[in-house]
Amino acid sequence: MSKKNKAEEMDEMVSDASNNDGNIGEENVQAHEELTTEEQLQMDLAKEKDKFLRLFADFENYKRRTSKERMELFKTAGQEVIVSLLPVIDDFERAMKELAKSDDKEMYKGVELINNKLNEVLKGKGLQVIEVKQGDDFDAELHDAITQIPAPDKKLKGKIIDVIENGFTLGDKIIRHPKVVVGN
C-alpha cells in the first residue's frame, strides 16, 4: 500500500471510531499501528539483508583480488632472481665456447654438466630461450637491434645476421629481448 492509501485508511478508522463505541475504534487504531510496526520491521529487515549481501559481495571481491595479487607477487619474486641469473647463463655460454677449443675434454664435460643442470632448473621455473637464428625476420617488438650492417647477401636485407645475446621468456612474458645485428 502507498502512504496516501494508509493515511486515508487511518482517517476512515478515526471517523469510524468516533461513530462507534470508543473501545472498537481503539482496537482498529491499535491493529493499524501493529501493522505499520510490522511493516517497519520488514523494511528494516530488507535493509539489513541488502547491507549484508553487499558486504558479502565486497568480501568475495577482496578475497579474489588479494589471491590474484599474491599469485602475481610470487611470479615477480621468482622473476627477479631469474633475471639476476641471466648474466651467469651468458658467462656459461662463453665459457663453453672457449672450453670447446681447448684439449681438456674432461673439464669441458664438467662445465657442460653444470651448465645443463642450471638450465634445466631454470627451465623448470618457466624460463625459456627465445629461439633466434641467422636469416630470421627482424621484429622490433621481439628483438633489440644493436647495430645494422650491410647485408652480405640480398636475401638477408632486413633480416637477422647475428645474435649477440640470447633473449628469454618467463612464462609468456619477455624478460630479456635478444640482442641482434640486422642487415640493411
C-alpha atoms as a PDB file:
ATOM      1  CA  MET A   1       0.000   0.000   0.000  1.00  0.00           C
ATOM      2  CA  SER A   2       1.111   3.566  -0.604  1.00  0.00           C
ATOM      3  CA  LYS A   3       1.402   6.175   2.131  1.00  0.00           C
ATOM      4  CA  LYS A   4      -1.600   8.064   0.756  1.00  0.00           C
ATOM      5  CA  ASN A   5      -3.817   4.973   0.995  1.00  0.00           C
ATOM      6  CA  LYS A   6      -2.587   4.345   4.532  1.00  0.00           C
ATOM      7  CA  ALA A   7      -3.411   7.909   5.520  1.00  0.00           C
ATOM      8  CA  GLU A   8      -6.914   7.627   4.030  1.00  0.00           C
ATOM      9  CA  GLU A   9      -7.400   4.303   5.786  1.00  0.00           C
ATOM     10  CA  MET A  10      -6.287   5.859   9.069  1.00  0.00           C
ATOM     11  CA  ASP A  11      -8.744   8.733   8.624  1.00  0.00           C
ATOM     12  CA  GLU A  12     -11.550   6.240   7.980  1.00  0.00           C
ATOM     13  CA  MET A  13     -10.649   4.351  11.142  1.00  0.00           C
ATOM     14  CA  VAL A  14     -10.693   7.518  13.186  1.00  0.00           C
ATOM     15  CA  SER A  15     -14.076   8.528  11.782  1.00  0.00           C
ATOM     16  CA  ASP A  16     -15.403   5.009  12.380  1.00  0.00           C
ATOM     17  CA  ALA A  17     -14.107   5.156  15.919  1.00  0.00           C
ATOM     18  CA  SER A  18     -15.938   8.381  16.606  1.00  0.00           C
ATOM     19  CA  ASN A  19     -19.166   6.977  15.149  1.00  0.00           C
ATOM     20  CA  ASN A  20     -18.935   3.657  17.003  1.00  0.00           C
ATOM     21  CA  ASP A  21     -18.271   2.701  20.553  1.00  0.00           C
ATOM     22  CA  GLY A  22     -14.918   4.075  21.804  1.00  0.00           C
ATOM     23  CA  ASN A  23     -13.491   0.613  22.509  1.00  0.00           C
ATOM     24  CA  ILE A  24     -13.992  -0.696  18.981  1.00  0.00           C
ATOM     25  CA  GLY A  25     -12.256   2.354  17.459  1.00  0.00           C
ATOM     26  CA  GLU A  26      -9.252   1.953  19.704  1.00  0.00           C
ATOM     27  CA  GLU A  27      -8.867  -1.665  18.610  1.00  0.00           C
ATOM     28  CA  ASN A  28      -8.838  -0.618  14.958  1.00  0.00           C
ATOM     29  CA  VAL A  29      -6.196   2.036  15.630  1.00  0.00           C
ATOM     30  CA  GLN A  30      -4.054  -0.437  17.598  1.00  0.00           C
ATOM     31  CA  ALA A  31      -4.351  -3.044  14.829  1.00  0.00           C
ATOM     32  CA  HIS A  32      -3.271  -0.443  12.326  1.00  0.00           C
ATOM     33  CA  GLU A  33      -0.307   0.616  14.484  1.00  0.00           C
ATOM     34  CA  GLU A  34       0.780  -3.017  14.812  1.00  0.00           C
ATOM     35  CA  LEU A  35       0.612  -3.399  11.057  1.00  0.00           C
ATOM     36  CA  THR A  36       2.781  -0.377  10.496  1.00  0.00           C
ATOM     37  CA  THR A  37       5.232  -1.606  13.129  1.00  0.00           C
ATOM     38  CA  GLU A  38       5.333  -4.961  11.363  1.00  0.00           C
ATOM     39  CA  GLU A  39       5.832  -3.278   8.022  1.00  0.00           C
ATOM     40  CA  GLN A  40       8.543  -1.115   9.531  1.00  0.00           C
ATOM     41  CA  LEU A  41      10.323  -4.189  10.843  1.00  0.00           C
ATOM     42  CA  GLN A  42      10.080  -5.852   7.426  1.00  0.00           C
ATOM     43  CA  MET A  43      11.594  -2.776   5.818  1.00  0.00           C
ATOM     44  CA  ASP A  44      14.395  -2.765   8.382  1.00  0.00           C
ATOM     45  CA  LEU A  45      14.983  -6.463   7.740  1.00  0.00           C
ATOM     46  CA  ALA A  46      15.143  -5.860   3.987  1.00  0.00           C
ATOM     47  CA  LYS A  47      17.675  -3.053   4.542  1.00  0.00           C
ATOM     48  CA  GLU A  48      19.825  -5.270   6.739  1.00  0.00           C
ATOM     49  CA  LYS A  49      19.663  -8.115   4.211  1.00  0.00           C
ATOM     50  CA  ASP A  50      20.721  -5.733   1.462  1.00  0.00           C
ATOM     51  CA  LYS A  51      23.572  -4.411   3.605  1.00  0.00           C
ATOM     52  CA  PHE A  52      24.672  -7.979   4.403  1.00  0.00           C
ATOM     53  CA  LEU A  53      24.627  -9.040   0.740  1.00  0.00           C
ATOM     54  CA  ARG A  54      26.659  -6.010  -0.288  1.00  0.00           C
ATOM     55  CA  LEU A  55      29.173  -6.640   2.488  1.00  0.00           C
ATOM     56  CA  PHE A  56      29.428 -10.299   1.498  1.00  0.00           C
ATOM     57  CA  ALA A  57      29.986  -9.362  -2.165  1.00  0.00           C
ATOM     58  CA  ASP A  58      32.674  -6.853  -1.158  1.00  0.00           C
ATOM     59  CA  PHE A  59      34.409  -9.534   0.902  1.00  0.00           C
ATOM     60  CA  GLU A  60      34.322 -12.017  -2.010  1.00  0.00           C
ATOM     61  CA  ASN A  61      35.822  -9.370  -4.311  1.00  0.00           C
ATOM     62  CA  TYR A  62      38.507  -8.664  -1.707  1.00  0.00           C
ATOM     63  CA  LYS A  63      39.396 -12.363  -1.481  1.00  0.00           C
ATOM     64  CA  ARG A  64      39.646 -12.689  -5.271  1.00  0.00           C
ATOM     65  CA  ARG A  65      41.750  -9.537  -5.581  1.00  0.00           C
ATOM     66  CA  THR A  66      44.206 -10.494  -2.826  1.00  0.00           C
ATOM     67  CA  SER A  67      44.553 -14.008  -4.220  1.00  0.00           C
ATOM     68  CA  LYS A  68      45.377 -12.603  -7.657  1.00  0.00           C
ATOM     69  CA  GLU A  69      47.860 -10.114  -6.163  1.00  0.00           C
ATOM     70  CA  ARG A  70      49.560 -12.883  -4.202  1.00  0.00           C
ATOM     71  CA  MET A  71      49.973 -15.010  -7.349  1.00  0.00           C
ATOM     72  CA  GLU A  72      51.467 -12.036  -9.203  1.00  0.00           C
ATOM     73  CA  LEU A  73      53.827 -11.397  -6.286  1.00  0.00           C
ATOM     74  CA  PHE A  74      55.111 -14.973  -6.420  1.00  0.00           C
ATOM     75  CA  LYS A  75      55.684 -14.660 -10.166  1.00  0.00           C
ATOM     76  CA  THR A  76      57.551 -11.371  -9.863  1.00  0.00           C
ATOM     77  CA  ALA A  77      59.617 -12.579  -6.901  1.00  0.00           C
ATOM     78  CA  GLY A  78      60.857 -15.513  -8.990  1.00  0.00           C
ATOM     79  CA  GLN A  79      61.389 -13.215 -11.947  1.00  0.00           C
ATOM     80  CA  GLU A  80      63.831 -11.003 -10.044  1.00  0.00           C
ATOM     81  CA  VAL A  81      66.023 -13.967  -9.105  1.00  0.00           C
ATOM     82  CA  ILE A  82      65.939 -15.421 -12.618  1.00  0.00           C
ATOM     83  CA  VAL A  83      66.755 -12.058 -14.232  1.00  0.00           C
ATOM     84  CA  SER A  84      69.756 -11.736 -11.923  1.00  0.00           C
ATOM     85  CA  LEU A  85      70.957 -15.191 -13.087  1.00  0.00           C
ATOM     86  CA  LEU A  86      70.847 -14.329 -16.807  1.00  0.00           C
ATOM     87  CA  PRO A  87      74.424 -12.924 -16.858  1.00  0.00           C
ATOM     88  CA  VAL A  88      75.602 -16.204 -15.287  1.00  0.00           C
ATOM     89  CA  ILE A  89      73.945 -18.121 -18.134  1.00  0.00           C
ATOM     90  CA  ASP A  90      75.700 -15.827 -20.633  1.00  0.00           C
ATOM     91  CA  ASP A  91      79.045 -16.465 -18.915  1.00  0.00           C
ATOM     92  CA  PHE A  92      78.464 -20.215 -19.077  1.00  0.00           C
ATOM     93  CA  GLU A  93      77.803 -19.981 -22.828  1.00  0.00           C
ATOM     94  CA  ARG A  94      81.015 -18.033 -23.389  1.00  0.00           C
ATOM     95  CA  ALA A  95      82.956 -20.479 -21.206  1.00  0.00           C
ATOM     96  CA  MET A  96      81.531 -23.433 -23.152  1.00  0.00           C
ATOM     97  CA  LYS A  97      82.666 -21.894 -26.455  1.00  0.00           C
ATOM     98  CA  GLU A  98      86.187 -21.348 -25.148  1.00  0.00           C
ATOM     99  CA  LEU A  99      86.445 -24.766 -23.493  1.00  0.00           C
ATOM    100  CA  ALA A 100      85.344 -26.427 -26.731  1.00  0.00           C
ATOM    101  CA  LYS A 101      88.515 -25.015 -28.325  1.00  0.00           C
ATOM    102  CA  SER A 102      90.804 -26.490 -25.635  1.00  0.00           C
ATOM    103  CA  ASP A 103      92.188 -30.019 -25.470  1.00  0.00           C
ATOM    104  CA  ASP A 104      90.896 -30.705 -21.920  1.00  0.00           C
ATOM    105  CA  LYS A 105      87.710 -32.641 -22.689  1.00  0.00           C
ATOM    106  CA  GLU A 106      87.112 -33.639 -19.047  1.00  0.00           C
ATOM    107  CA  MET A 107      86.892 -30.005 -17.970  1.00  0.00           C
ATOM    108  CA  TYR A 108      84.536 -29.322 -20.859  1.00  0.00           C
ATOM    109  CA  LYS A 109      82.276 -32.202 -19.778  1.00  0.00           C
ATOM    110  CA  GLY A 110      82.246 -30.996 -16.155  1.00  0.00           C
ATOM    111  CA  VAL A 111      81.314 -27.421 -17.059  1.00  0.00           C
ATOM    112  CA  GLU A 112      78.762 -28.732 -19.559  1.00  0.00           C
ATOM    113  CA  LEU A 113      77.079 -30.821 -16.820  1.00  0.00           C
ATOM    114  CA  ILE A 114      76.847 -27.807 -14.510  1.00  0.00           C
ATOM    115  CA  ASN A 115      75.541 -25.636 -17.349  1.00  0.00           C
ATOM    116  CA  ASN A 116      72.899 -28.231 -18.271  1.00  0.00           C
ATOM    117  CA  LYS A 117      71.792 -28.603 -14.653  1.00  0.00           C
ATOM    118  CA  LEU A 118      71.434 -24.825 -14.234  1.00  0.00           C
ATOM    119  CA  ASN A 119      69.479 -24.560 -17.489  1.00  0.00           C
ATOM    120  CA  GLU A 120      67.151 -27.432 -16.503  1.00  0.00           C
ATOM    121  CA  VAL A 121      66.429 -25.898 -13.088  1.00  0.00           C
ATOM    122  CA  LEU A 122      65.611 -22.546 -14.672  1.00  0.00           C
ATOM    123  CA  LYS A 123      63.541 -24.253 -17.374  1.00  0.00           C
ATOM    124  CA  GLY A 124      61.549 -25.928 -14.594  1.00  0.00           C
ATOM    125  CA  LYS A 125      60.811 -22.465 -13.199  1.00  0.00           C
ATOM    126  CA  GLY A 126      59.420 -21.353 -16.581  1.00  0.00           C
ATOM    127  CA  LEU A 127      62.490 -19.782 -18.229  1.00  0.00           C
ATOM    128  CA  GLN A 128      62.770 -20.374 -21.976  1.00  0.00           C
ATOM    129  CA  VAL A 129      65.250 -19.160 -24.556  1.00  0.00           C
ATOM    130  CA  ILE A 130      63.767 -17.153 -27.420  1.00  0.00           C
ATOM    131  CA  GLU A 131      64.925 -19.057 -30.475  1.00  0.00           C
ATOM    132  CA  VAL A 132      66.552 -16.643 -32.936  1.00  0.00           C
ATOM    133  CA  LYS A 133      68.851 -17.640 -35.770  1.00  0.00           C
ATOM    134  CA  GLN A 134      70.527 -16.046 -38.728  1.00  0.00           C
ATOM    135  CA  GLY A 135      68.082 -15.299 -41.533  1.00  0.00           C
ATOM    136  CA  ASP A 136      65.008 -14.799 -39.312  1.00  0.00           C
ATOM    137  CA  ASP A 137      62.887 -11.722 -39.952  1.00  0.00           C
ATOM    138  CA  PHE A 138      63.617  -8.800 -37.653  1.00  0.00           C
ATOM    139  CA  ASP A 139      60.681  -7.990 -35.352  1.00  0.00           C
ATOM    140  CA  ALA A 140      61.115  -4.708 -33.453  1.00  0.00           C
ATOM    141  CA  GLU A 141      58.701  -5.878 -30.720  1.00  0.00           C
ATOM    142  CA  LEU A 142      60.653  -9.074 -30.097  1.00  0.00           C
ATOM    143  CA  HIS A 143      64.279  -8.204 -30.907  1.00  0.00           C
ATOM    144  CA  ASP A 144      66.703  -5.459 -29.848  1.00  0.00           C
ATOM    145  CA  ALA A 145      68.794  -4.307 -32.817  1.00  0.00           C
ATOM    146  CA  ILE A 146      72.287  -3.469 -31.602  1.00  0.00           C
ATOM    147  CA  THR A 147      73.519  -2.319 -34.968  1.00  0.00           C
ATOM    148  CA  GLN A 148      72.863  -2.531 -38.693  1.00  0.00           C
ATOM    149  CA  ILE A 149      75.491  -3.639 -41.148  1.00  0.00           C
ATOM    150  CA  PRO A 150      75.443  -4.035 -44.928  1.00  0.00           C
ATOM    151  CA  ALA A 151      73.838  -7.378 -45.729  1.00  0.00           C
ATOM    152  CA  PRO A 152      76.339  -9.873 -47.167  1.00  0.00           C
ATOM    153  CA  ASP A 153      73.526 -11.253 -49.332  1.00  0.00           C
ATOM    154  CA  LYS A 154      70.414  -9.575 -50.738  1.00  0.00           C
ATOM    155  CA  LYS A 155      68.297 -12.266 -49.085  1.00  0.00           C
ATOM    156  CA  LEU A 156      69.478 -11.078 -45.651  1.00  0.00           C
ATOM    157  CA  LYS A 157      68.329  -7.480 -46.134  1.00  0.00           C
ATOM    158  CA  GLY A 158      66.070  -6.580 -43.142  1.00  0.00           C
ATOM    159  CA  LYS A 159      66.831  -9.941 -41.574  1.00  0.00           C
ATOM    160  CA  ILE A 160      68.925 -11.017 -38.588  1.00  0.00           C
ATOM    161  CA  ILE A 161      72.578 -11.547 -39.441  1.00  0.00           C
ATOM    162  CA  ASP A 162      73.973 -12.384 -35.992  1.00  0.00           C
ATOM    163  CA  VAL A 163      72.701 -12.965 -32.443  1.00  0.00           C
ATOM    164  CA  ILE A 164      74.826 -11.150 -29.860  1.00  0.00           C
ATOM    165  CA  GLU A 165      72.862 -12.117 -26.739  1.00  0.00           C
ATOM    166  CA  ASN A 166      70.008 -14.589 -26.297  1.00  0.00           C
ATOM    167  CA  GLY A 167      66.601 -13.418 -25.165  1.00  0.00           C
ATOM    168  CA  PHE A 168      64.444 -15.149 -22.576  1.00  0.00           C
ATOM    169  CA  THR A 169      60.803 -15.504 -21.661  1.00  0.00           C
ATOM    170  CA  LEU A 170      59.435 -16.351 -18.238  1.00  0.00           C
ATOM    171  CA  GLY A 171      56.041 -17.904 -18.742  1.00  0.00           C
ATOM    172  CA  ASP A 172      54.569 -15.807 -21.526  1.00  0.00           C
ATOM    173  CA  LYS A 173      56.363 -12.583 -20.596  1.00  0.00           C
ATOM    174  CA  ILE A 174      59.604 -11.483 -22.255  1.00  0.00           C
ATOM    175  CA  ILE A 175      62.147 -10.699 -19.540  1.00  0.00           C
ATOM    176  CA  ARG A 176      65.059 -10.002 -21.907  1.00  0.00           C
ATOM    177  CA  HIS A 177      64.890  -9.302 -25.632  1.00  0.00           C
ATOM    178  CA  PRO A 178      67.503 -10.968 -27.845  1.00  0.00           C
ATOM    179  CA  LYS A 179      70.183  -8.555 -28.998  1.00  0.00           C
ATOM    180  CA  VAL A 180      70.796  -8.929 -32.728  1.00  0.00           C
ATOM    181  CA  VAL A 181      72.642  -7.448 -35.700  1.00  0.00           C
ATOM    182  CA  VAL A 182      70.386  -6.597 -38.646  1.00  0.00           C
ATOM    183  CA  GLY A 183      71.345  -6.382 -42.319  1.00  0.00           C
ATOM    184  CA  ASN A 184      70.399  -3.320 -44.370  1.00  0.00           C
END
